[in-house]
């Protein structure tokens, strides 16, 4: 047993009951029909194979998999008796139980892994079945995973070997942006058109009209950095791979961060930033945004509905409305971007226990849920009820509230999205998701961001094998140290607690490079990157 597994065991034994008690909420579904996957298992048996699957429950749509039609159908299609283990609604809760099962030698045959780095650890410890050995028998797994993009994202051994399969989107979708009270903007007659000076003018106009600091957020000091960083040519992380220099860098090594700090310090001095921005809880933020104490923020697009709908329901005559506005562009012309989901969801992975007695049945299950039948089921629901085929393409009916019918109709989406965490939902049709998952106020903004291509670049991880002994941990420790100091000094510069002079900023750069291991972090990362890419 590895040291990593032993440490996990010690961590969970103090807080979790014996595994037999933790797995008590298991349910089963069975089937004995011949497999109808597009890649039938070669495993021949007269009795259904007994397969256990652990998953995270969707808190918004809980269902019993033993009674839910797709799960029952899956068992029949794959000639399996499936026992489903529901191990929580959060990654922390789920991983606690999963890791306890692993350390006890009781890992399920198939299990969900909600964290890219944890999956890497499972590979390192030899816990996962090698998917590559079976690709020729399971064409759906191969179709979605045997490609450079997926292998690049899941490269755990430096050879791009597949040890898991992951969720995918047909194309990236946009889910984070700058939101604003569009009713207030309309009332004051301000036309914001994108340049950073126009954005500043918008904040000034709102403050003049309302007397309030217009910009707030609920994600603290670092959230303030992330809101505006890309407009100034930086990344949403303070340590990142810079495409321009083809080097790993820290944000403070050049004038881009300095320009950002000057801009934010100006907003602060003019009273355009909520003085409690660094202290806000979600509840404080919601109250400010819904009671006209603040008007512009940085958050999920769907927060538009979360804030607007309750007010409109309480007062149908209210004009209150949240919507997304354009990302500001500086005179340097950098293309801004926001958080988005790429096509490979590397934190949504499904793994097969290397010790399973039925590897081919497990692979058949994964292959089956990647088939067209299950993809249609997941994305569109039931033909004739929630969608029809139009010119060979699935199209939502008017029963499903979407942007096509102004989000009216009976909401049946949860009827087929309920088990997205239970294997279903591995392949997401992005257009279908956008139509059904966004709402009246968030959809236009998401489409605006999509039209402008404000898409965050897909991050990559250097495989562990390219780091020298102890270097990967040293880089992780250095990054933690850097982030802590960066956040404190960023706040002090913005709020004027530390003078924003060229001389003081040069001191800050030296602190970050030398006292707080910025140079060490860059040296380690660039050395490993060069070893990886040559």
Foldseek 3Di string as FASTA:
>chain_A
DDPVLVVLQVVLVVPDDQLVVQQPPKDKAAAQAAAPFPQAFPDDDRAAAEFEEEWEFAPVFDDHLNPFVVSNVLRHNLSHIYIYGHQYHDLVRNVSSQSNCVSVVNHTQKYKFLALVVVLVCVVVVFFDFCVVCCVRQVLQCVQQVDPVNLQFNVAPLPSTDRWGFFFEPFWFDWKAKKFFVLLCVVLPQDQDAAPVSVVVSLVSLCVVQVAQAEAEAPALLQVCLHALQLLVHASAQWAQRPVVRFTAGNLPDCSVLVVLVVLLVSVVVNNYDPCRRPHHPVNVLVCCQVVNYTMYITTLQVQCVNPVVVCVVPVPDPGGMAGDYRHHYPVGRQAAHEIGGRTSSSTIMGGGPPDPCVSSVSSSLSRCSDPVNQCCQLQNDDPPQWHADPNRTDGDPQAQFPVNQGDHPHCNSSRNRPCRRSRNSYYHVVSCLGRVHHNRSSVRRVVCVVSVRYRDDDGDQHPVLADVPLVVVLVQLSVLLVVVCSVVSVCSSNVVQPSDPVSSVVVSCCSVPVSPRVVNRVRVRSSVVSSVD
